[in-house]
Protein backbone atom coordinates (compact mmCIF):
# COMPACT_ATOMS: atom_id res chain seq x y z
CA MET A 1 -4.92 -3.63 71.99
CA GLU A 2 -2.72 -0.59 71.97
CA LYS A 3 0.41 -2.54 71.12
CA PHE A 4 -0.97 -4.58 68.18
CA GLU A 5 1.47 -6.87 66.13
CA ARG A 6 -0.16 -8.48 63.10
CA THR A 7 0.34 -12.32 63.47
CA THR A 8 -0.52 -13.30 59.72
CA SER A 9 -2.77 -12.16 56.97
CA CYS A 10 -6.43 -12.97 56.68
CA GLY A 11 -6.08 -15.24 53.68
CA LEU A 12 -3.32 -17.15 54.96
CA VAL A 13 -5.05 -18.53 58.04
CA ASN A 14 -4.72 -22.30 58.06
CA LYS A 15 -4.58 -25.57 60.32
CA GLN A 16 -1.26 -24.48 61.77
CA TRP A 17 -2.97 -21.67 63.73
CA LEU A 18 -5.71 -23.91 65.07
CA GLY A 19 -6.21 -23.31 69.02
CA LYS A 20 -3.74 -20.43 68.91
CA THR A 21 -4.52 -16.82 69.65
CA ILE A 22 -3.56 -14.72 66.72
CA ASN A 23 -3.76 -10.97 65.58
CA LEU A 24 -5.61 -10.00 62.28
CA SER A 25 -5.95 -6.62 60.67
CA GLY A 26 -7.99 -5.69 57.57
CA TRP A 27 -11.17 -4.09 56.36
CA VAL A 28 -14.79 -5.08 57.46
CA SER A 29 -16.33 -6.64 54.12
CA ARG A 30 -19.42 -7.96 55.42
CA ARG A 31 -21.34 -7.91 58.83
CA ARG A 32 -24.00 -10.22 59.82
CA ASP A 33 -25.81 -9.89 63.14
CA HIS A 34 -27.29 -13.15 64.36
CA GLY A 35 -28.71 -12.02 67.67
CA GLY A 36 -26.18 -12.56 70.38
CA LEU A 37 -23.48 -13.48 67.70
CA ILE A 38 -22.06 -11.01 65.09
CA PHE A 39 -20.08 -12.36 62.19
CA ILE A 40 -17.61 -10.28 60.27
CA ASP A 41 -15.88 -11.11 57.02
CA LEU A 42 -12.34 -9.45 57.60
CA ARG A 43 -10.55 -8.64 54.42
CA ASP A 44 -7.09 -7.85 53.45
CA ARG A 45 -5.16 -8.20 50.13
CA SER A 46 -4.43 -11.94 50.85
CA GLY A 47 -8.12 -12.92 51.16
CA VAL A 48 -11.05 -13.09 53.66
CA MET A 49 -11.34 -14.50 57.24
CA GLN A 50 -14.52 -15.07 59.22
CA ILE A 51 -14.38 -13.56 62.66
CA VAL A 52 -16.97 -13.93 65.36
CA PHE A 53 -17.97 -11.71 68.24
CA ASN A 54 -19.61 -13.65 71.08
CA PRO A 55 -20.51 -11.81 74.50
CA ASP A 56 -19.27 -14.99 76.14
CA PHE A 57 -15.77 -14.36 75.00
CA ASP A 58 -15.50 -10.55 75.54
CA LYS A 59 -18.54 -8.42 76.21
CA THR A 60 -16.61 -5.19 75.55
CA ALA A 61 -15.53 -6.30 72.04
CA HIS A 62 -18.99 -7.66 71.33
CA ALA A 63 -20.64 -4.43 72.26
CA ALA A 64 -18.26 -2.43 70.10
CA ALA A 65 -18.95 -4.79 67.15
CA HIS A 66 -22.54 -3.46 66.85
CA ASP A 67 -21.14 -0.21 65.59
CA LEU A 68 -18.81 -1.69 62.96
CA ARG A 69 -19.84 -1.00 59.28
CA SER A 70 -18.55 -1.80 55.88
CA GLU A 71 -15.05 -0.66 55.16
CA TYR A 72 -14.19 0.05 58.87
CA VAL A 73 -10.43 -0.70 59.42
CA ILE A 74 -9.99 -2.90 62.34
CA SER A 75 -7.67 -5.20 64.27
CA VAL A 76 -8.80 -8.06 66.18
CA SER A 77 -7.25 -10.75 68.57
CA GLY A 78 -8.56 -14.21 69.50
CA GLU A 79 -8.39 -17.90 69.03
CA ILE A 80 -8.65 -19.83 65.68
CA VAL A 81 -11.24 -22.65 66.09
CA GLU A 82 -12.51 -25.05 63.52
CA ARG A 83 -16.03 -24.24 62.19
CA THR A 84 -18.69 -27.10 62.44
CA PRO A 85 -19.05 -29.12 59.20
CA GLU A 86 -22.40 -27.45 58.24
CA THR A 87 -21.01 -23.93 58.65
CA THR A 88 -17.73 -24.68 56.48
CA ASN A 89 -17.40 -22.44 53.45
CA LYS A 90 -15.83 -24.67 50.91
CA GLU A 91 -15.54 -21.67 48.39
CA MET A 92 -13.19 -19.86 50.65
CA PRO A 93 -9.51 -21.02 51.44
CA THR A 94 -10.01 -20.04 55.16
CA GLY A 95 -13.63 -21.42 55.24
CA LYS A 96 -12.80 -24.21 57.62
CA TRP A 97 -11.82 -21.72 60.46
CA GLU A 98 -12.87 -18.65 62.41
CA LEU A 99 -11.45 -16.37 64.83
CA GLN A 100 -13.22 -15.93 68.11
CA VAL A 101 -12.59 -12.29 68.93
CA LYS A 102 -11.50 -11.40 72.44
CA ASN A 103 -10.12 -7.93 71.57
CA LEU A 104 -10.98 -5.29 69.09
CA THR A 105 -9.33 -2.09 67.89
CA VAL A 106 -10.91 0.31 65.30
CA HIS A 107 -8.20 2.10 63.46
CA SER A 108 -10.47 4.17 61.18
CA LYS A 109 -14.19 4.39 60.46
CA SER A 110 -15.69 4.77 57.00
CA LYS A 111 -18.54 6.69 55.49
CA THR A 112 -21.02 4.64 53.47
CA PRO A 113 -19.05 4.22 50.24
CA PRO A 114 -20.53 5.43 47.00
CA PHE A 115 -20.99 2.00 45.57
CA SER A 116 -20.97 -1.61 46.94
CA LEU A 117 -17.62 -3.19 46.23
CA GLU A 118 -19.45 -6.40 45.64
CA ASP A 119 -21.57 -4.87 42.81
CA ALA A 120 -18.90 -2.60 41.48
CA GLU A 121 -18.92 -4.15 38.01
CA LYS A 122 -22.58 -3.03 37.60
CA VAL A 123 -21.51 0.49 38.65
CA ASP A 124 -20.77 3.24 35.95
CA GLU A 125 -16.91 2.97 35.29
CA GLU A 126 -16.52 6.80 35.82
CA LEU A 127 -17.74 6.41 39.51
CA ARG A 128 -15.38 3.60 40.08
CA LEU A 129 -12.43 5.77 38.56
CA LYS A 130 -13.38 8.77 40.74
CA TYR A 131 -13.06 6.66 43.81
CA ARG A 132 -10.31 4.31 42.50
CA TYR A 133 -8.83 3.80 45.77
CA LEU A 134 -12.14 2.12 46.76
CA ASP A 135 -12.34 0.33 43.54
CA LEU A 136 -8.89 -1.21 43.97
CA ARG A 137 -9.94 -2.89 47.22
CA ARG A 138 -12.17 -5.29 45.14
CA VAL A 139 -10.96 -8.87 45.04
CA GLN A 140 -10.73 -8.81 41.03
CA MET A 141 -8.89 -5.61 41.07
CA GLN A 142 -6.26 -6.85 43.68
CA LYS A 143 -5.88 -10.04 41.55
CA ASN A 144 -5.25 -7.98 38.49
CA ILE A 145 -2.55 -5.76 40.16
CA LYS A 146 -0.96 -8.98 41.74
CA LEU A 147 -0.90 -10.50 38.40
CA ARG A 148 0.77 -7.32 36.81
CA HIS A 149 3.41 -7.44 39.50
CA GLN A 150 4.01 -11.18 38.90
CA VAL A 151 4.49 -10.49 35.12
CA VAL A 152 6.87 -7.76 35.64
CA PHE A 153 8.80 -9.63 38.17
CA ALA A 154 9.04 -12.82 35.80
CA ILE A 155 10.29 -10.63 33.05
CA ARG A 156 13.02 -9.16 34.99
CA GLU A 157 13.96 -12.66 36.18
CA LEU A 158 14.36 -14.04 32.72
CA LEU A 159 16.12 -10.98 31.19
CA ASN A 160 18.62 -10.90 34.06
CA SER A 161 19.40 -14.48 33.33
CA GLU A 162 19.94 -13.67 29.81
CA GLY A 163 22.52 -11.13 30.51
CA PHE A 164 20.46 -7.91 30.03
CA TYR A 165 21.17 -4.67 31.85
CA GLU A 166 18.09 -2.67 33.13
CA ILE A 167 18.69 0.90 32.25
CA GLU A 168 16.51 3.96 32.87
CA THR A 169 16.13 6.45 30.01
CA PRO A 170 15.00 10.18 30.41
CA ILE A 171 11.29 11.16 30.47
CA LEU A 172 12.14 14.79 29.67
CA THR A 173 13.57 14.56 26.24
CA LYS A 174 13.58 16.04 22.57
CA ASN A 175 10.66 16.34 20.23
CA THR A 176 11.07 13.86 17.31
CA PRO A 177 8.56 12.83 14.90
CA GLU A 178 7.94 9.03 15.42
CA GLY A 179 4.21 8.83 14.48
CA ALA A 180 1.92 9.86 17.29
CA ARG A 181 1.52 13.29 18.90
CA GLU A 182 3.86 14.05 21.93
CA PHE A 183 3.06 15.58 25.20
CA LEU A 184 5.20 18.85 25.40
CA VAL A 185 6.54 20.15 28.64
CA PRO A 186 7.55 23.93 28.75
CA SER A 187 11.07 24.71 30.09
CA ARG A 188 11.09 27.57 32.72
CA LEU A 189 14.85 28.16 32.34
CA HIS A 190 14.69 28.07 28.60
CA HIS A 191 11.98 30.25 27.54
CA GLY A 192 10.20 29.27 24.28
CA CYS A 193 11.69 25.83 24.56
CA PHE A 194 10.03 22.47 25.24
CA TYR A 195 10.82 19.06 26.33
CA ALA A 196 8.89 16.12 24.96
CA MET A 197 7.75 13.16 26.99
CA PRO A 198 8.75 10.03 25.16
CA GLN A 199 6.54 7.85 22.99
CA SER A 200 9.13 5.16 23.54
CA PRO A 201 12.79 5.00 24.50
CA GLN A 202 13.63 4.29 20.96
CA LEU A 203 16.42 6.63 20.23
CA TYR A 204 18.00 6.42 23.65
CA LYS A 205 18.16 2.55 23.41
CA GLN A 206 19.82 2.71 20.11
CA LEU A 207 22.32 5.04 21.48
CA LEU A 208 22.88 2.69 24.30
CA MET A 209 23.92 0.04 21.67
CA ALA A 210 26.48 2.66 20.45
CA ALA A 211 27.72 2.92 23.82
CA GLY A 212 28.44 -0.72 24.01
CA MET A 213 25.83 -1.86 26.41
CA GLU A 214 24.89 -4.69 24.16
CA LYS A 215 21.78 -6.10 26.04
CA TYR A 216 19.42 -3.45 27.21
CA PHE A 217 15.91 -3.61 28.89
CA GLN A 218 13.54 -1.17 30.61
CA ILE A 219 10.00 -1.34 32.06
CA ALA A 220 9.53 1.89 30.38
CA ARG A 221 6.80 4.61 30.97
CA CYS A 222 5.56 6.09 27.47
CA PHE A 223 3.34 8.79 26.57
CA ARG A 224 1.21 9.56 23.49
CA ASP A 225 -1.24 12.51 23.08
CA GLU A 226 -3.57 10.46 20.92
CA ASP A 227 -7.31 9.31 20.95
CA LEU A 228 -7.97 6.32 23.23
CA ARG A 229 -9.38 3.12 22.80
CA ALA A 230 -10.03 0.06 24.96
CA ASP A 231 -6.49 -0.90 24.81
CA ARG A 232 -4.82 2.60 24.83
CA GLN A 233 -3.98 5.27 27.53
CA PRO A 234 -2.05 8.56 27.23
CA GLU A 235 0.62 7.04 29.43
CA PHE A 236 1.32 3.41 29.21
CA THR A 237 4.08 0.75 30.11
CA GLN A 238 6.03 -1.15 27.82
CA LEU A 239 8.82 -3.84 28.15
CA ASP A 240 11.60 -2.14 26.00
CA LEU A 241 14.70 -4.14 24.87
CA GLU A 242 17.55 -3.84 22.50
CA MET A 243 20.38 -6.06 21.54
CA SER A 244 23.67 -5.68 19.47
CA PHE A 245 25.16 -8.03 16.90
CA VAL A 246 21.70 -9.77 16.24
CA LYS A 247 19.51 -10.87 13.64
CA GLU A 248 15.65 -11.15 13.66
CA ASP A 249 15.85 -14.69 14.97
CA ASP A 250 17.93 -13.63 18.05
CA ILE A 251 15.45 -11.16 19.09
CA MET A 252 12.50 -13.20 18.51
CA SER A 253 14.09 -16.18 20.45
CA VAL A 254 14.47 -14.04 23.51
CA VAL A 255 10.89 -12.68 23.33
CA GLU A 256 9.59 -16.10 22.98
CA LYS A 257 11.50 -17.11 26.15
CA ILE A 258 10.29 -14.25 28.01
CA ILE A 259 6.61 -14.90 27.00
CA GLN A 260 7.02 -18.64 27.65
CA HIS A 261 8.43 -17.88 31.09
CA VAL A 262 5.75 -15.45 32.04
CA PHE A 263 3.08 -18.08 31.18
CA LYS A 264 4.73 -20.72 33.16
CA LYS A 265 5.52 -18.66 36.29
CA VAL A 266 2.29 -16.64 36.23
CA LEU A 267 -0.45 -18.92 35.00
CA ASN A 268 1.38 -22.21 35.10
CA LYS A 269 0.82 -22.71 31.44
CA ASP A 270 3.18 -24.38 29.01
CA ILE A 271 3.49 -22.27 25.83
CA PRO A 272 5.34 -24.06 22.96
CA ILE A 273 8.04 -22.29 21.20
CA PRO A 274 9.10 -21.02 18.67
CA PHE A 275 5.72 -19.32 17.69
CA GLU A 276 4.20 -19.74 14.25
CA ARG A 277 5.59 -17.03 11.71
CA ILE A 278 3.44 -15.55 8.92
CA ASP A 279 4.49 -12.91 6.24
CA TYR A 280 2.56 -9.59 6.42
CA ASP A 281 1.26 -10.22 2.81
CA GLN A 282 -0.11 -13.65 3.80
CA ALA A 283 -1.61 -12.46 7.09
CA PHE A 284 -3.45 -9.64 5.32
CA SER A 285 -4.64 -11.89 2.37
CA GLU A 286 -6.02 -14.54 4.44
CA TYR A 287 -7.11 -12.61 7.65
CA GLY A 288 -7.40 -8.93 6.59
CA SER A 289 -5.29 -7.85 9.37
CA ASP A 290 -1.59 -7.48 10.32
CA LYS A 291 -2.48 -8.99 13.78
CA PRO A 292 -4.57 -12.04 12.98
CA ASP A 293 -6.30 -14.09 15.49
CA LEU A 294 -5.32 -17.63 14.52
CA ARG A 295 -7.27 -19.46 17.07
CA PHE A 296 -9.97 -20.22 14.46
CA GLY A 297 -10.06 -20.54 10.53
CA LEU A 298 -12.56 -18.68 8.52
CA LYS A 299 -9.86 -17.38 6.07
CA ILE A 300 -10.60 -14.75 3.36
CA LYS A 301 -10.49 -15.99 -0.23
CA GLU A 302 -10.05 -13.97 -3.29
CA SER A 303 -13.37 -14.62 -5.04
CA SER A 304 -13.22 -12.12 -8.06
CA SER A 305 -13.42 -15.04 -10.54
CA LEU A 306 -16.85 -16.06 -9.29
CA PHE A 307 -18.25 -12.81 -10.83
CA GLU A 308 -16.24 -12.04 -13.75
CA LYS A 309 -18.84 -13.36 -16.23
CA THR A 310 -21.88 -12.23 -14.31
CA GLU A 311 -24.21 -9.38 -15.14
CA LEU A 312 -23.97 -7.71 -11.61
CA SER A 313 -23.01 -4.28 -12.82
CA PHE A 314 -22.05 -2.94 -9.40
CA LEU A 315 -19.52 -5.77 -9.00
CA GLN A 316 -18.21 -5.41 -12.57
CA ALA A 317 -17.67 -1.66 -11.91
CA VAL A 318 -15.42 -2.68 -8.99
CA LEU A 319 -13.41 -5.14 -11.08
CA LYS A 320 -13.09 -2.71 -13.96
CA LYS A 321 -11.45 -0.20 -11.51
CA GLY A 322 -8.93 -2.73 -10.50
CA GLY A 323 -10.83 -3.68 -7.24
CA ASN A 324 -11.13 -7.20 -5.72
CA ILE A 325 -13.84 -9.25 -4.44
CA GLY A 326 -13.07 -11.16 -1.28
CA GLY A 327 -15.31 -13.84 0.48
CA LEU A 328 -15.78 -15.71 3.76
CA HIS A 329 -17.44 -19.21 3.85
CA VAL A 330 -19.53 -20.35 6.71
CA GLN A 331 -20.42 -23.94 6.90
CA ASN A 332 -23.79 -25.15 8.40
CA CYS A 333 -24.80 -21.50 8.84
CA PRO A 334 -27.39 -20.95 11.51
CA PHE A 335 -28.65 -17.55 10.37
CA SER A 336 -32.07 -17.13 8.92
CA ARG A 337 -32.87 -15.00 5.79
CA SER A 338 -33.59 -11.99 7.92
CA GLU A 339 -30.65 -12.32 10.02
CA LEU A 340 -28.43 -12.72 6.86
CA ASN A 341 -29.78 -9.28 5.73
CA THR A 342 -28.96 -7.79 9.10
CA TRP A 343 -25.34 -8.73 8.46
CA THR A 344 -25.38 -6.19 5.60
CA GLU A 345 -25.96 -3.40 7.89
CA LYS A 346 -23.18 -4.83 10.21
CA ALA A 347 -20.82 -4.82 7.48
CA GLN A 348 -21.53 -1.28 6.65
CA LYS A 349 -20.89 -0.22 10.10
CA LEU A 350 -17.47 -2.05 9.89
CA GLY A 351 -16.61 0.10 6.81
CA ALA A 352 -18.14 -1.79 3.91
CA LYS A 353 -20.14 -0.02 1.31
CA GLY A 354 -22.23 -3.10 0.87
CA LEU A 355 -22.30 -6.98 1.64
CA LEU A 356 -23.47 -9.73 -0.64
CA TRP A 357 -24.43 -13.18 0.79
CA VAL A 358 -25.16 -16.42 -1.03
CA ARG A 359 -26.67 -19.44 0.72
CA PHE A 360 -26.55 -22.96 -0.93
CA LYS A 361 -29.60 -24.80 -0.05
CA GLU A 362 -30.42 -28.54 0.68
CA ASP A 363 -32.04 -28.91 -2.82
CA GLY A 364 -28.96 -27.51 -4.65
CA SER A 365 -30.60 -24.29 -5.25
CA ILE A 366 -29.31 -20.85 -4.39
CA GLU A 367 -30.63 -18.20 -1.95
CA SER A 368 -29.45 -14.80 -2.30
CA PRO A 369 -30.62 -11.22 -3.25
CA VAL A 370 -28.70 -11.75 -6.58
CA ALA A 371 -29.62 -15.45 -7.20
CA LYS A 372 -31.01 -15.00 -10.48
CA PHE A 373 -27.95 -13.36 -11.86
CA LEU A 374 -25.50 -16.39 -10.82
CA PRO A 375 -24.74 -19.27 -13.27
CA GLU A 376 -26.02 -22.67 -12.71
CA ASP A 377 -22.49 -24.05 -11.88
CA PHE A 378 -21.77 -21.37 -9.20
CA GLN A 379 -21.60 -23.91 -6.44
CA ALA A 380 -19.02 -25.80 -8.35
CA GLN A 381 -17.10 -22.80 -9.04
CA ALA A 382 -17.30 -21.77 -5.46
CA ASN A 383 -15.90 -25.21 -4.43
CA LYS A 384 -12.78 -24.41 -6.47
CA ILE A 385 -12.11 -21.46 -4.02
CA PHE A 386 -13.73 -22.51 -0.84
CA GLU A 387 -13.52 -25.84 0.90
CA ASN A 388 -16.69 -28.04 1.25
CA VAL A 389 -19.24 -25.77 -0.17
CA GLY A 390 -22.30 -27.81 0.70
CA PRO A 391 -26.02 -27.68 1.83
CA ASN A 392 -26.61 -24.47 4.14
CA SER A 393 -23.12 -23.09 3.38
CA VAL A 394 -23.13 -19.35 3.13
CA LEU A 395 -20.59 -16.99 1.47
CA PHE A 396 -20.27 -13.59 2.68
CA LEU A 397 -18.76 -11.25 -0.06
CA ILE A 398 -17.43 -7.64 -0.10
CA ALA A 399 -15.96 -5.78 -3.13
CA GLY A 400 -13.76 -2.67 -3.30
CA PRO A 401 -10.26 -1.70 -3.58
CA TYR A 402 -8.06 -4.56 -2.23
CA HIS A 403 -6.79 -2.80 1.07
CA ASP A 404 -10.29 -1.34 1.98
CA ALA A 405 -12.22 -4.52 1.12
CA TRP A 406 -9.84 -6.76 3.00
CA THR A 407 -9.70 -4.66 6.07
CA THR A 408 -13.41 -4.75 6.30
CA LEU A 409 -13.49 -8.46 5.61
CA GLY A 410 -11.05 -8.82 8.55
CA ARG A 411 -13.34 -7.01 10.83
CA LEU A 412 -16.25 -9.05 9.58
CA ARG A 413 -14.32 -12.35 10.13
CA LEU A 414 -14.09 -11.48 13.82
CA GLU A 415 -17.70 -10.56 14.20
CA LEU A 416 -18.86 -13.79 12.55
CA ALA A 417 -16.52 -15.74 14.86
CA ARG A 418 -18.08 -14.19 17.85
CA ALA A 419 -21.66 -14.59 16.64
CA LEU A 420 -20.88 -18.32 15.61
CA ASP A 421 -19.08 -18.98 18.99
CA ILE A 422 -16.15 -20.54 17.25
CA ILE A 423 -13.44 -18.75 19.23
CA PRO A 424 -11.92 -21.23 21.79
CA GLU A 425 -12.23 -19.98 25.21
CA GLY A 426 -9.16 -20.04 27.38
CA GLU A 427 -6.80 -20.76 24.50
CA PHE A 428 -3.67 -18.55 23.87
CA ASN A 429 -2.37 -18.40 20.25
CA LEU A 430 0.91 -16.60 19.74
CA SER A 431 2.43 -15.89 16.40
CA TRP A 432 4.87 -13.52 14.63
CA VAL A 433 3.96 -11.29 11.72
CA VAL A 434 7.14 -10.71 9.72
CA LYS A 435 8.25 -8.88 6.61
CA PHE A 436 6.07 -5.70 6.92
CA PRO A 437 5.99 -3.03 4.13
CA MET A 438 8.84 -0.34 4.77
CA PHE A 439 6.46 2.52 3.93
CA GLU A 440 2.73 3.32 3.79
CA TYR A 441 1.43 6.06 1.63
CA ASP A 442 -0.46 8.88 3.28
CA LYS A 443 -3.09 9.78 0.50
CA GLU A 444 -4.38 12.97 2.48
CA ASN A 445 -0.74 14.45 2.70
CA LYS A 446 0.62 12.75 -0.46
CA ARG A 447 3.79 11.39 1.07
CA TRP A 448 5.43 8.15 2.35
CA ASP A 449 5.35 7.51 6.17
CA ALA A 450 7.27 4.71 7.92
CA MET A 451 5.16 1.67 8.54
CA HIS A 452 6.94 1.19 11.89
CA HIS A 453 9.38 4.13 12.56
CA PRO A 454 12.12 5.75 10.48
CA PHE A 455 14.97 3.85 12.09
CA THR A 456 13.89 0.45 10.84
CA SER A 457 16.21 -1.34 8.42
CA PRO A 458 15.09 -2.16 4.98
CA GLN A 459 15.35 -5.63 3.51
CA VAL A 460 18.21 -6.45 1.18
CA GLY A 461 17.75 -5.02 -2.21
CA TRP A 462 15.60 -2.11 -1.21
CA GLU A 463 17.51 0.49 -3.14
CA LYS A 464 16.33 -1.10 -6.51
CA LEU A 465 12.53 -0.90 -5.53
CA GLU A 466 9.82 1.85 -5.29
CA PRO A 467 8.96 2.87 -1.98
CA GLY A 468 5.62 0.88 -2.07
CA LYS A 469 7.50 -2.35 -2.77
CA MET A 470 10.19 -2.08 -0.14
CA LYS A 471 10.03 -4.52 2.78
CA ALA A 472 11.26 -3.77 6.38
CA ARG A 473 13.18 -6.09 8.74
CA ALA A 474 10.37 -5.66 11.05
CA TYR A 475 8.28 -8.16 13.10
CA ASP A 476 5.19 -8.02 15.42
CA VAL A 477 4.22 -10.46 17.99
CA VAL A 478 0.58 -11.24 18.26
CA LEU A 479 -1.67 -12.93 20.94
CA ASN A 480 -5.07 -13.88 20.08
CA GLY A 481 -5.47 -11.17 17.57
CA VAL A 482 -3.96 -8.38 19.68
CA GLU A 483 -0.65 -6.84 18.68
CA LEU A 484 1.42 -7.32 21.95
CA GLY A 485 4.45 -5.51 20.56
CA GLY A 486 6.56 -4.64 17.49
CA GLY A 487 10.24 -4.39 16.75
CA SER A 488 12.90 -4.43 14.02
CA ILE A 489 16.57 -4.50 13.04
CA ARG A 490 17.63 -0.86 13.11
CA ILE A 491 19.53 1.09 10.67
CA HIS A 492 23.22 1.52 12.03
CA ASP A 493 24.90 3.43 9.20
CA SER A 494 24.29 7.22 8.54
CA GLU A 495 24.08 6.76 4.83
CA THR A 496 21.19 4.47 4.76
CA GLN A 497 19.49 6.61 7.60
CA SER A 498 19.97 9.53 5.43
CA LYS A 499 18.30 7.97 2.43
CA VAL A 500 15.45 6.75 4.61
CA PHE A 501 14.86 10.20 5.84
CA GLU A 502 14.98 11.58 2.28
CA LEU A 503 12.31 9.09 1.21
CA LEU A 504 10.12 10.33 4.21
CA GLY A 505 10.41 13.92 2.83
CA LEU A 506 13.10 15.06 5.22
CA ASN A 507 15.78 17.07 3.58
CA LYS A 508 19.34 17.23 4.84
CA ASP A 509 18.84 20.26 7.01
CA GLN A 510 15.59 19.06 8.55
CA ALA A 511 17.18 15.54 9.19
CA GLU A 512 20.15 17.25 10.80
CA LYS A 513 18.00 19.54 13.02
CA LYS A 514 15.76 16.67 14.21
CA PHE A 515 18.16 13.73 14.35
CA GLY A 516 21.67 15.01 14.04
CA PHE A 517 22.74 13.35 17.26
CA LEU A 518 21.83 10.05 15.68
CA LEU A 519 23.40 10.51 12.51
CA GLU A 520 26.63 11.56 14.08
CA ALA A 521 26.57 8.61 16.48
CA GLN A 522 26.39 6.42 13.31
CA THR A 523 29.73 7.73 12.35
CA TYR A 524 31.57 6.59 15.56
CA GLY A 525 31.34 2.80 15.12
CA PHE A 526 27.63 1.94 15.62
CA PRO A 527 27.05 -1.90 15.87
CA PRO A 528 24.25 -3.78 14.18
CA HIS A 529 21.43 -3.79 16.42
CA GLY A 530 17.74 -4.63 16.98
CA GLY A 531 14.99 -4.67 19.46
CA LEU A 532 11.40 -4.62 20.42
CA GLY A 533 8.82 -2.91 22.48
CA LEU A 534 6.08 -5.15 24.10
CA GLY A 535 2.99 -3.52 25.53
CA LEU A 536 2.96 -4.61 29.23
CA ASP A 537 -0.73 -3.23 29.83
CA ARG A 538 -2.13 -5.20 26.98
CA PHE A 539 -0.22 -8.33 27.84
CA VAL A 540 -1.45 -8.13 31.40
CA MET A 541 -5.04 -7.59 30.27
CA LEU A 542 -5.05 -10.57 27.95
CA LEU A 543 -3.58 -12.78 30.79
CA ALA A 544 -6.15 -11.50 33.32
CA GLY A 545 -9.05 -12.08 30.87
CA GLN A 546 -10.05 -8.34 31.07
CA GLU A 547 -11.64 -6.36 28.25
CA THR A 548 -9.71 -2.93 28.61
CA ILE A 549 -6.24 -2.04 29.94
CA ARG A 550 -8.01 0.29 32.55
CA GLU A 551 -8.72 -2.93 34.54
CA VAL A 552 -4.95 -3.71 34.87
CA ILE A 553 -3.68 -0.06 35.60
CA ALA A 554 -3.83 1.14 39.17
CA PHE A 555 -4.67 4.70 38.22
CA PRO A 556 -5.80 5.00 34.60
CA LYS A 557 -7.39 7.81 32.75
CA THR A 558 -10.89 7.82 31.17
CA GLN A 559 -11.37 7.43 27.48
CA ARG A 560 -11.50 11.29 27.50
CA MET A 561 -8.00 11.30 28.92
CA TYR A 562 -9.21 12.61 32.22
CA ASP A 563 -8.18 11.66 35.68
CA LEU A 564 -11.55 11.75 37.73
CA MET A 565 -9.95 11.01 41.11
CA MET A 566 -7.33 13.80 40.89
CA SER A 567 -9.42 16.23 38.52
CA ALA A 568 -6.45 16.33 36.12
CA PRO A 569 -5.65 17.98 33.75
CA SER A 570 -6.50 21.23 35.39
CA VAL A 571 -6.23 24.92 34.84
CA SER A 572 -2.95 26.50 35.83
CA ASP A 573 -2.57 29.74 37.48
CA PRO A 574 -1.81 32.65 34.96
CA GLN A 575 1.25 33.56 37.17
CA MET A 576 2.67 30.10 36.66
CA LEU A 577 2.17 30.26 33.04
CA GLN A 578 3.86 33.62 32.92
CA GLU A 579 6.93 31.99 34.57
CA TYR A 580 7.26 29.70 31.53
CA GLY A 581 6.58 32.45 29.01
CA LEU A 582 3.17 31.15 28.04
CA LYS A 583 -0.21 32.64 27.40
CA LEU A 584 -3.29 30.93 26.55
CA LEU A 585 -5.10 31.68 23.32
CA PRO A 586 -8.80 31.47 22.70
CA LYS A 587 -9.87 28.02 21.75
CA LYS A 588 -10.60 27.63 18.04
CA LYS A 589 -14.18 27.11 17.22
């Protein structure tokens, strides 16, 4: 079969091909030798097709089939026939048919793979990443990559219909402080000078608004030299968009349309819009997070009043220092006393200095390490704060400075929800968190930092407030407790921008050196504008039901920022370093 032309893909064989001779190509997935008959599961990206070698059809092909092994690349020609009812595979789309091979061509042989593709999920991830080109042959990985393609295509489709231009922005750019560490690229022609790889196209897209583009988007590659987590990579992809002459509602509406369109096109799910909106202060007060998972209740309640008149000195000390006590209420709690005590250790691992639990028993008595210090009407008091505090209800309480205690309570809330199995499976909850603080205080460096970035516009009346009380025209979109993306209305006048730089500790000369191009652009008729960046990797991860973004990226790095397949980063030749005017210093101990 020297002149081979593929008729169709393995997973697309159906009734229309019955009785016809067709040509298929793919990888040997499984081989089963049943004496005179040899069965092969032939796999390509569309699916799997069973092919059978029978000496009665072609002795040469049958003889050659004895040598076929897993991951050989072959082409076959033969007639499509219907399987007998007892041999039909109902779990496979092509399970009613098989191809009776008359010709075989082996394009490529394969060594025994370092791991079985069928058992890859049980294999150490680093081995999978080292042989990623093999790992990507797995059905689940091919589904993930296909899903990613479909998401990107749907996004482009919707934004094109909304009048956006897709515009590419530079990868080699200027070092600007936006929050995370940047990757620097030395310039060979300009010794001692460096490009930076963009954390986002933030400044370029704002300048595109100054250029009159009005509606911009980009599937943008971004880079951050920071520690990794399950949902982070040193290089990642985000949907980036910017619009002129808009308010928050305009941007949120477009993003909601994008997400709704993606869900419908990719998962055939109807997502209602508009999404629920919740102020940052409320989100943090009730859920201990600026990205709350709203699929279940279990809200945090301010519980300080329950202990104001008790003799519990460790709680009194917190309250006297201006701290707070927050609580979570679990009804019909299934945990035994010993299990409740283990939650103290879990809370400490989540950041708490301690955890207090109180159980209300069937007979009306209280079970707790501090039961004897609690007043007789404690349950009645608790009912004024929490709903339906009845038999076998348990309060989980943490005390400390408000931000620290509530952050830990937010983490504890999620851990309890998982343990209690109250998070709905297969449900997608989308919301907006709005009215973020403009600044957050860096205690270590004793300065104010921008909560989002320094180009975010403050809310009206900000000039009369202390930095800690200023609110930003910022918004985040959240899916199932994961921040999909964030955006804001931007500053479009140089005076406001200069004042914000000043609050961030940048004097006039420093601001001019780092952002002079932006300040100057703002003096040449800069339109009001705003936008958003949405993490594409995280979005696809959640749609695919995966736990890390590495499962939806074709060639990701490890958690140590290493490419095991390419062995990157690697050591550079000293002569090459010299061309860039660089010399390596000994590593600091």
